[in-house]
PDB file of N, CA and C in Angstrom:
ATOM      1  N   MET A   1      55.550 -14.641 125.121  1.00  0.00           N
ATOM      2  CA  MET A   1      56.592 -15.747 124.856  1.00  0.00           C
ATOM      3  C   MET A   1      56.603 -16.564 125.648  1.00  0.00           C
ATOM      4  N   ASN A   2      56.446 -17.643 124.346  1.00  0.00           N
ATOM      5  CA  ASN A   2      56.733 -18.658 124.632  1.00  0.00           C
ATOM      6  C   ASN A   2      58.184 -19.451 125.501  1.00  0.00           C
ATOM      7  N   LEU A   3      57.947 -19.839 127.011  1.00  0.00           N
ATOM      8  CA  LEU A   3      59.588 -20.641 127.484  1.00  0.00           C
ATOM      9  C   LEU A   3      59.512 -22.377 127.060  1.00  0.00           C
ATOM     10  N   GLY A   4      59.021 -22.624 126.199  1.00  0.00           N
ATOM     11  CA  GLY A   4      59.041 -24.150 125.796  1.00  0.00           C
ATOM     12  C   GLY A   4      60.281 -24.251 125.164  1.00  0.00           C
ATOM     13  N   LYS A   5      60.192 -25.314 124.618  1.00  0.00           N
ATOM     14  CA  LYS A   5      61.543 -25.538 123.505  1.00  0.00           C
ATOM     15  C   LYS A   5      61.257 -24.892 122.264  1.00  0.00           C
ATOM     16  N   PRO A   6      62.022 -24.351 121.458  1.00  0.00           N
ATOM     17  CA  PRO A   6      61.736 -24.001 120.361  1.00  0.00           C
ATOM     18  C   PRO A   6      61.185 -24.524 119.080  1.00  0.00           C
ATOM     19  N   PRO A   7      60.654 -24.509 118.052  1.00  0.00           N
ATOM     20  CA  PRO A   7      60.662 -25.724 117.079  1.00  0.00           C
ATOM     21  C   PRO A   7      62.342 -25.716 116.219  1.00  0.00           C
ATOM     22  N   LEU A   8      62.693 -26.990 116.119  1.00  0.00           N
ATOM     23  CA  LEU A   8      63.747 -27.167 115.588  1.00  0.00           C
ATOM     24  C   LEU A   8      64.351 -26.643 114.176  1.00  0.00           C
ATOM     25  N   SER A   9      63.280 -26.121 113.513  1.00  0.00           N
ATOM     26  CA  SER A   9      63.631 -24.923 112.262  1.00  0.00           C
ATOM     27  C   SER A   9      64.129 -23.530 113.113  1.00  0.00           C
ATOM     28  N   VAL A  10      63.702 -22.802 114.038  1.00  0.00           N
ATOM     29  CA  VAL A  10      64.183 -22.104 115.004  1.00  0.00           C
ATOM     30  C   VAL A  10      65.525 -22.091 115.661  1.00  0.00           C
ATOM     31  N   LEU A  11      65.254 -23.354 115.879  1.00  0.00           N
ATOM     32  CA  LEU A  11      66.629 -23.531 116.754  1.00  0.00           C
ATOM     33  C   LEU A  11      68.401 -23.302 116.311  1.00  0.00           C
ATOM     34  N   VAL A  12      67.547 -24.772 115.237  1.00  0.00           N
ATOM     35  CA  VAL A  12      68.931 -24.289 113.566  1.00  0.00           C
ATOM     36  C   VAL A  12      69.063 -23.179 113.206  1.00  0.00           C
ATOM     37  N   LEU A  13      67.753 -22.572 113.007  1.00  0.00           N
ATOM     38  CA  LEU A  13      68.294 -20.776 112.369  1.00  0.00           C
ATOM     39  C   LEU A  13      68.888 -20.131 113.458  1.00  0.00           C
ATOM     40  N   SER A  14      68.724 -19.978 114.482  1.00  0.00           N
ATOM     41  CA  SER A  14      69.259 -19.302 115.619  1.00  0.00           C
ATOM     42  C   SER A  14      70.649 -19.769 115.960  1.00  0.00           C
ATOM     43  N   CYS A  15      70.937 -20.734 115.482  1.00  0.00           N
ATOM     44  CA  CYS A  15      72.293 -21.631 115.891  1.00  0.00           C
ATOM     45  C   CYS A  15      73.249 -20.820 114.809  1.00  0.00           C
ATOM     46  N   LEU A  16      72.925 -20.942 113.725  1.00  0.00           N
ATOM     47  CA  LEU A  16      73.479 -20.718 112.519  1.00  0.00           C
ATOM     48  C   LEU A  16      73.781 -19.219 112.694  1.00  0.00           C
ATOM     49  N   TYR A  17      72.177 -18.269 112.679  1.00  0.00           N
ATOM     50  CA  TYR A  17      72.720 -17.002 112.928  1.00  0.00           C
ATOM     51  C   TYR A  17      73.969 -16.481 114.017  1.00  0.00           C
ATOM     52  N   MET A  18      73.355 -17.181 114.859  1.00  0.00           N
ATOM     53  CA  MET A  18      74.672 -17.111 115.962  1.00  0.00           C
ATOM     54  C   MET A  18      76.169 -17.211 115.445  1.00  0.00           C
ATOM     55  N   ALA A  19      76.576 -18.264 115.040  1.00  0.00           N
ATOM     56  CA  ALA A  19      77.167 -18.856 114.762  1.00  0.00           C
ATOM     57  C   ALA A  19      78.268 -17.974 113.440  1.00  0.00           C
ATOM     58  N   VAL A  20      77.245 -17.591 112.554  1.00  0.00           N
ATOM     59  CA  VAL A  20      77.773 -16.298 111.451  1.00  0.00           C
ATOM     60  C   VAL A  20      78.247 -15.421 112.550  1.00  0.00           C
ATOM     61  N   GLY A  21      77.587 -14.743 113.378  1.00  0.00           N
ATOM     62  CA  GLY A  21      77.718 -13.410 113.467  1.00  0.00           C
ATOM     63  C   GLY A  21      79.267 -13.840 114.302  1.00  0.00           C
ATOM     64  N   ALA A  22      79.385 -14.504 115.385  1.00  0.00           N
ATOM     65  CA  ALA A  22      80.405 -15.024 115.903  1.00  0.00           C
ATOM     66  C   ALA A  22      81.534 -14.979 115.320  1.00  0.00           C
ATOM     67  N   ILE A  23      81.519 -15.840 114.043  1.00  0.00           N
ATOM     68  CA  ILE A  23      82.673 -16.108 113.216  1.00  0.00           C
ATOM     69  C   ILE A  23      82.908 -15.149 112.804  1.00  0.00           C
ATOM     70  N   GLY A  24      82.119 -14.784 112.147  1.00  0.00           N
ATOM     71  CA  GLY A  24      82.346 -13.132 111.136  1.00  0.00           C
ATOM     72  C   GLY A  24      83.217 -12.347 111.931  1.00  0.00           C
ATOM     73  N   PHE A  25      82.809 -11.886 113.136  1.00  0.00           N
ATOM     74  CA  PHE A  25      83.320 -10.951 114.076  1.00  0.00           C
ATOM     75  C   PHE A  25      84.897 -10.913 114.930  1.00  0.00           C
ATOM     76  N   ALA A  26      84.684 -12.358 114.741  1.00  0.00           N
ATOM     77  CA  ALA A  26      86.160 -13.002 114.675  1.00  0.00           C
ATOM     78  C   ALA A  26      86.947 -12.455 113.917  1.00  0.00           C
ATOM     79  N   TYR A  27      86.692 -13.066 112.614  1.00  0.00           N
ATOM     80  CA  TYR A  27      87.401 -12.883 111.075  1.00  0.00           C
ATOM     81  C   TYR A  27      87.418 -11.706 110.706  1.00  0.00           C
ATOM     82  N   HIS A  28      86.640 -10.451 110.872  1.00  0.00           N
ATOM     83  CA  HIS A  28      86.792  -9.282 110.552  1.00  0.00           C
ATOM     84  C   HIS A  28      87.153  -8.395 111.520  1.00  0.00           C
ATOM     85  N   PHE A  29      87.483  -8.963 112.805  1.00  0.00           N
ATOM     86  CA  PHE A  29      88.290  -7.912 113.076  1.00  0.00           C
ATOM     87  C   PHE A  29      89.396  -7.478 113.407  1.00  0.00           C
ATOM     88  N   PRO A  30      89.831  -6.208 113.566  1.00  0.00           N
ATOM     89  CA  PRO A  30      90.327  -5.263 112.200  1.00  0.00           C
ATOM     90  C   PRO A  30      91.809  -5.578 113.708  1.00  0.00           C
ATOM     91  N   ARG A  31      92.907  -5.454 112.532  1.00  0.00           N
ATOM     92  CA  ARG A  31      94.199  -5.563 113.251  1.00  0.00           C
ATOM     93  C   ARG A  31      94.476  -4.176 113.743  1.00  0.00           C
ATOM     94  N   PRO A  32      95.152  -3.718 114.155  1.00  0.00           N
ATOM     95  CA  PRO A  32      95.860  -2.669 114.540  1.00  0.00           C
ATOM     96  C   PRO A  32      96.344  -1.385 113.979  1.00  0.00           C
ATOM     97  N   PRO A  33      97.320  -1.881 113.025  1.00  0.00           N
ATOM     98  CA  PRO A  33      97.776  -1.125 111.968  1.00  0.00           C
ATOM     99  C   PRO A  33      96.894  -0.750 111.027  1.00  0.00           C
ATOM    100  N   ALA A  34      95.798  -1.897 110.108  1.00  0.00           N
ATOM    101  CA  ALA A  34      94.830  -1.816 109.387  1.00  0.00           C
ATOM    102  C   ALA A  34      93.534  -1.119 109.646  1.00  0.00           C
ATOM    103  N   PHE A  35      93.587  -0.938 110.638  1.00  0.00           N
ATOM    104  CA  PHE A  35      92.022  -0.277 111.441  1.00  0.00           C
ATOM    105  C   PHE A  35      91.752   0.743 110.218  1.00  0.00           C
ATOM    106  N   HIS A  36      90.515   0.887 109.987  1.00  0.00           N
ATOM    107  CA  HIS A  36      89.852   1.428 108.493  1.00  0.00           C
ATOM    108  C   HIS A  36      88.047   1.455 109.143  1.00  0.00           C
ATOM    109  N   HIS A  37      87.439   2.770 108.959  1.00  0.00           N
ATOM    110  CA  HIS A  37      86.111   2.957 109.674  1.00  0.00           C
ATOM    111  C   HIS A  37      85.009   2.364 109.117  1.00  0.00           C
ATOM    112  N   GLU A  38      85.146   1.261 107.802  1.00  0.00           N
ATOM    113  CA  GLU A  38      84.080   0.503 107.239  1.00  0.00           C
ATOM    114  C   GLU A  38      84.421  -0.848 108.278  1.00  0.00           C
ATOM    115  N   ASP A  39      85.610  -0.863 108.911  1.00  0.00           N
ATOM    116  CA  ASP A  39      85.725  -1.912 109.994  1.00  0.00           C
ATOM    117  C   ASP A  39      84.560  -2.008 111.098  1.00  0.00           C
ATOM    118  N   VAL A  40      84.314  -0.870 111.407  1.00  0.00           N
ATOM    119  CA  VAL A  40      83.101  -0.537 112.520  1.00  0.00           C
ATOM    120  C   VAL A  40      81.448  -1.199 111.780  1.00  0.00           C
ATOM    121  N   ARG A  41      81.463  -1.040 110.541  1.00  0.00           N
ATOM    122  CA  ARG A  41      80.237  -1.325 110.379  1.00  0.00           C
ATOM    123  C   ARG A  41      80.444  -2.644 109.566  1.00  0.00           C
ATOM    124  N   ILE A  42      80.888  -3.392 109.846  1.00  0.00           N
ATOM    125  CA  ILE A  42      81.069  -4.999 109.264  1.00  0.00           C
ATOM    126  C   ILE A  42      81.005  -5.361 110.872  1.00  0.00           C
ATOM    127  N   GLU A  43      81.829  -4.931 111.867  1.00  0.00           N
ATOM    128  CA  GLU A  43      81.973  -5.803 113.371  1.00  0.00           C
ATOM    129  C   GLU A  43      80.284  -5.255 113.721  1.00  0.00           C
ATOM    130  N   ALA A  44      79.733  -4.160 113.309  1.00  0.00           N
ATOM    131  CA  ALA A  44      78.180  -3.943 114.009  1.00  0.00           C
ATOM    132  C   ALA A  44      76.818  -4.763 112.966  1.00  0.00           C
ATOM    133  N   SER A  45      77.311  -5.111 111.851  1.00  0.00           N
ATOM    134  CA  SER A  45      76.527  -6.420 111.294  1.00  0.00           C
ATOM    135  C   SER A  45      77.132  -7.499 111.571  1.00  0.00           C
ATOM    136  N   GLU A  46      77.826  -8.120 111.559  1.00  0.00           N
ATOM    137  CA  GLU A  46      78.097  -9.245 112.383  1.00  0.00           C
ATOM    138  C   GLU A  46      77.560  -9.457 113.554  1.00  0.00           C
ATOM    139  N   LEU A  47      77.682  -8.245 114.663  1.00  0.00           N
ATOM    140  CA  LEU A  47      77.025  -8.294 115.897  1.00  0.00           C
ATOM    141  C   LEU A  47      75.578  -8.525 115.550  1.00  0.00           C
ATOM    142  N   LEU A  48      75.020  -7.666 115.163  1.00  0.00           N
ATOM    143  CA  LEU A  48      73.603  -7.865 114.568  1.00  0.00           C
ATOM    144  C   LEU A  48      73.131  -9.151 114.344  1.00  0.00           C
ATOM    145  N   ALA A  49      73.995  -9.689 113.663  1.00  0.00           N
ATOM    146  CA  ALA A  49      73.652 -11.326 113.550  1.00  0.00           C
ATOM    147  C   ALA A  49      73.285 -11.836 114.816  1.00  0.00           C
ATOM    148  N   PHE A  50      74.484 -11.959 115.712  1.00  0.00           N
ATOM    149  CA  PHE A  50      74.457 -12.932 116.825  1.00  0.00           C
ATOM    150  C   PHE A  50      73.265 -12.017 117.631  1.00  0.00           C
ATOM    151  N   VAL A  51      72.720 -11.155 118.017  1.00  0.00           N
ATOM    152  CA  VAL A  51      71.967 -10.651 118.649  1.00  0.00           C
ATOM    153  C   VAL A  51      71.029 -11.400 117.722  1.00  0.00           C
ATOM    154  N   ALA A  52      70.610 -11.419 116.747  1.00  0.00           N
ATOM    155  CA  ALA A  52      68.977 -12.043 116.197  1.00  0.00           C
ATOM    156  C   ALA A  52      69.036 -12.913 116.317  1.00  0.00           C
ATOM    157  N   GLY A  53      70.076 -13.985 116.406  1.00  0.00           N
ATOM    158  CA  GLY A  53      69.866 -15.122 116.662  1.00  0.00           C
ATOM    159  C   GLY A  53      69.449 -15.829 118.276  1.00  0.00           C
ATOM    160  N   VAL A  54      70.158 -15.291 119.379  1.00  0.00           N
ATOM    161  CA  VAL A  54      70.098 -15.067 120.873  1.00  0.00           C
ATOM    162  C   VAL A  54      68.864 -14.738 120.562  1.00  0.00           C
ATOM    163  N   PHE A  55      68.213 -13.781 120.115  1.00  0.00           N
ATOM    164  CA  PHE A  55      66.905 -13.310 120.815  1.00  0.00           C
ATOM    165  C   PHE A  55      65.991 -14.034 119.602  1.00  0.00           C
ATOM    166  N   MET A  56      65.983 -14.856 118.708  1.00  0.00           N
ATOM    167  CA  MET A  56      65.273 -15.774 117.886  1.00  0.00           C
ATOM    168  C   MET A  56      64.796 -16.742 118.986  1.00  0.00           C
ATOM    169  N   LEU A  57      65.940 -17.509 119.565  1.00  0.00           N
ATOM    170  CA  LEU A  57      65.727 -18.371 120.760  1.00  0.00           C
ATOM    171  C   LEU A  57      65.409 -18.272 121.530  1.00  0.00           C
ATOM    172  N   ARG A  58      65.160 -16.788 122.245  1.00  0.00           N
ATOM    173  CA  ARG A  58      63.808 -16.296 123.224  1.00  0.00           C
ATOM    174  C   ARG A  58      62.819 -15.909 123.097  1.00  0.00           C
ATOM    175  N   ALA A  59      62.837 -16.278 121.560  1.00  0.00           N
ATOM    176  CA  ALA A  59      60.507 -16.147 120.996  1.00  0.00           C
ATOM    177  C   ALA A  59      60.554 -14.283 121.046  1.00  0.00           C
ATOM    178  N   HIS A  60      61.410 -13.793 120.761  1.00  0.00           N
ATOM    179  CA  HIS A  60      60.951 -12.611 120.413  1.00  0.00           C
ATOM    180  C   HIS A  60      61.029 -12.012 119.142  1.00  0.00           C
ATOM    181  N   ASN A  61      59.915 -11.156 118.940  1.00  0.00           N
ATOM    182  CA  ASN A  61      59.433 -11.550 117.169  1.00  0.00           C
ATOM    183  C   ASN A  61      60.311 -10.379 116.786  1.00  0.00           C
ATOM    184  N   TRP A  62      60.531  -9.680 117.563  1.00  0.00           N
ATOM    185  CA  TRP A  62      61.430  -8.399 116.644  1.00  0.00           C
ATOM    186  C   TRP A  62      63.041  -9.030 116.212  1.00  0.00           C
ATOM    187  N   ALA A  63      63.483 -10.238 116.584  1.00  0.00           N
ATOM    188  CA  ALA A  63      64.449 -10.691 116.330  1.00  0.00           C
ATOM    189  C   ALA A  63      64.220 -11.596 114.704  1.00  0.00           C
ATOM    190  N   ARG A  64      63.238 -12.013 114.774  1.00  0.00           N
ATOM    191  CA  ARG A  64      63.182 -12.598 113.240  1.00  0.00           C
ATOM    192  C   ARG A  64      62.989 -11.602 112.601  1.00  0.00           C
ATOM    193  N   TRP A  65      62.499 -10.217 112.756  1.00  0.00           N
ATOM    194  CA  TRP A  65      62.363  -9.002 111.437  1.00  0.00           C
ATOM    195  C   TRP A  65      63.998  -8.697 111.553  1.00  0.00           C
ATOM    196  N   LEU A  66      64.576  -8.692 112.233  1.00  0.00           N
ATOM    197  CA  LEU A  66      65.865  -8.655 112.618  1.00  0.00           C
ATOM    198  C   LEU A  66      66.885  -9.165 111.548  1.00  0.00           C
ATOM    199  N   ALA A  67      66.273 -10.665 111.749  1.00  0.00           N
ATOM    200  CA  ALA A  67      67.501 -11.402 110.930  1.00  0.00           C
ATOM    201  C   ALA A  67      67.179 -11.339 109.503  1.00  0.00           C
ATOM    202  N   ALA A  68      65.630 -11.340 109.341  1.00  0.00           N
ATOM    203  CA  ALA A  68      65.105 -11.094 107.841  1.00  0.00           C
ATOM    204  C   ALA A  68      65.779  -9.475 107.117  1.00  0.00           C
ATOM    205  N   ALA A  69      66.062  -8.488 107.754  1.00  0.00           N
ATOM    206  CA  ALA A  69      66.469  -7.193 107.439  1.00  0.00           C
ATOM    207  C   ALA A  69      67.989  -7.452 107.081  1.00  0.00           C
ATOM    208  N   TRP A  70      68.172  -8.313 108.142  1.00  0.00           N
ATOM    209  CA  TRP A  70      69.893  -8.594 107.995  1.00  0.00           C
ATOM    210  C   TRP A  70      70.706  -9.462 106.949  1.00  0.00           C
ATOM    211  N   MET A  71      69.438 -10.272 106.117  1.00  0.00           N
ATOM    212  CA  MET A  71      69.836 -11.002 105.310  1.00  0.00           C
ATOM    213  C   MET A  71      69.156 -10.438 104.093  1.00  0.00           C
ATOM    214  N   ALA A  72      68.402  -9.571 104.131  1.00  0.00           N
ATOM    215  CA  ALA A  72      67.980  -8.547 102.709  1.00  0.00           C
ATOM    216  C   ALA A  72      68.915  -7.849 102.589  1.00  0.00           C
ATOM    217  N   PHE A  73      69.601  -6.864 104.088  1.00  0.00           N
ATOM    218  CA  PHE A  73      71.179  -6.277 103.655  1.00  0.00           C
ATOM    219  C   PHE A  73      72.104  -6.691 103.060  1.00  0.00           C
ATOM    220  N   HIS A  74      72.665  -8.260 103.584  1.00  0.00           N
ATOM    221  CA  HIS A  74      73.784  -8.739 102.876  1.00  0.00           C
ATOM    222  C   HIS A  74      73.613  -9.263 101.186  1.00  0.00           C
ATOM    223  N   VAL A  75      72.282  -9.664 100.751  1.00  0.00           N
ATOM    224  CA  VAL A  75      71.633  -9.756  99.307  1.00  0.00           C
ATOM    225  C   VAL A  75      71.899  -8.743  98.741  1.00  0.00           C
ATOM    226  N   VAL A  76      71.843  -7.460  99.110  1.00  0.00           N
ATOM    227  CA  VAL A  76      71.552  -6.141  98.569  1.00  0.00           C
ATOM    228  C   VAL A  76      72.568  -5.862  97.999  1.00  0.00           C
ATOM    229  N   ILE A  77      73.486  -5.491  99.313  1.00  0.00           N
ATOM    230  CA  ILE A  77      75.111  -5.518  98.764  1.00  0.00           C
ATOM    231  C   ILE A  77      75.886  -6.427  98.377  1.00  0.00           C
ATOM    232  N   SER A  78      75.606  -7.280  98.021  1.00  0.00           N
ATOM    233  CA  SER A  78      76.157  -8.668  97.214  1.00  0.00           C
ATOM    234  C   SER A  78      76.132  -8.547  95.644  1.00  0.00           C
ATOM    235  N   PHE A  79      75.103  -7.368  95.687  1.00  0.00           N
ATOM    236  CA  PHE A  79      74.326  -7.433  94.033  1.00  0.00           C
ATOM    237  C   PHE A  79      75.193  -7.920  93.183  1.00  0.00           C
ATOM    238  N   PRO A  80      75.999  -6.593  92.676  1.00  0.00           N
ATOM    239  CA  PRO A  80      76.916  -6.981  91.405  1.00  0.00           C
ATOM    240  C   PRO A  80      77.658  -8.131  90.855  1.00  0.00           C
ATOM    241  N   VAL A  81      78.136  -9.096  91.986  1.00  0.00           N
ATOM    242  CA  VAL A  81      78.717 -10.549  92.022  1.00  0.00           C
ATOM    243  C   VAL A  81      77.470 -11.377  92.394  1.00  0.00           C
ATOM    244  N   ALA A  82      77.343 -12.382  91.145  1.00  0.00           N
ATOM    245  CA  ALA A  82      76.901 -13.492  91.330  1.00  0.00           C
ATOM    246  C   ALA A  82      77.151 -14.350  92.172  1.00  0.00           C
ATOM    247  N   ARG A  83      78.292 -14.753  91.943  1.00  0.00           N
ATOM    248  CA  ARG A  83      79.130 -15.540  93.051  1.00  0.00           C
ATOM    249  C   ARG A  83      78.958 -15.134  94.956  1.00  0.00           C
ATOM    250  N   GLN A  84      78.820 -13.707  94.951  1.00  0.00           N
ATOM    251  CA  GLN A  84      78.488 -13.052  96.386  1.00  0.00           C
ATOM    252  C   GLN A  84      77.049 -13.600  96.764  1.00  0.00           C
ATOM    253  N   ILE A  85      76.410 -13.175  95.985  1.00  0.00           N
ATOM    254  CA  ILE A  85      74.261 -13.127  95.592  1.00  0.00           C
ATOM    255  C   ILE A  85      74.585 -14.704  96.290  1.00  0.00           C
ATOM    256  N   ALA A  86      74.889 -15.670  95.506  1.00  0.00           N
ATOM    257  CA  ALA A  86      74.543 -17.237  96.136  1.00  0.00           C
ATOM    258  C   ALA A  86      75.079 -17.452  97.251  1.00  0.00           C
ATOM    259  N   ILE A  87      76.240 -17.183  97.416  1.00  0.00           N
ATOM    260  CA  ILE A  87      76.395 -17.105  99.045  1.00  0.00           C
ATOM    261  C   ILE A  87      75.999 -16.579 100.471  1.00  0.00           C
ATOM    262  N   HIS A  88      75.665 -15.184 100.025  1.00  0.00           N
ATOM    263  CA  HIS A  88      74.848 -14.238 100.949  1.00  0.00           C
ATOM    264  C   HIS A  88      72.936 -15.126 101.039  1.00  0.00           C
ATOM    265  N   SER A  89      72.290 -15.574  99.618  1.00  0.00           N
ATOM    266  CA  SER A  89      71.440 -16.174  99.780  1.00  0.00           C
ATOM    267  C   SER A  89      71.060 -17.112 100.623  1.00  0.00           C
TER     268      SER A  89
END
């Protein structure tokens, strides 16, 4: 692993993944009377984005694959709606 400064592109993408994960986690956090089982999957997805961002900053190769898989998953689940495809892409 490289302990030096990450390239600017990696820094920007890592910060973006961490921001999306943290903001999405807070935004989708279930309210007690309206808890659904799908809320757990949504929160896990947002947590994975945050983890990918943190470990990409630490130069872990598997985190890049996690970030790519996370992005591909979001494009696939938004497939029927063109607006969501544009947002997730």
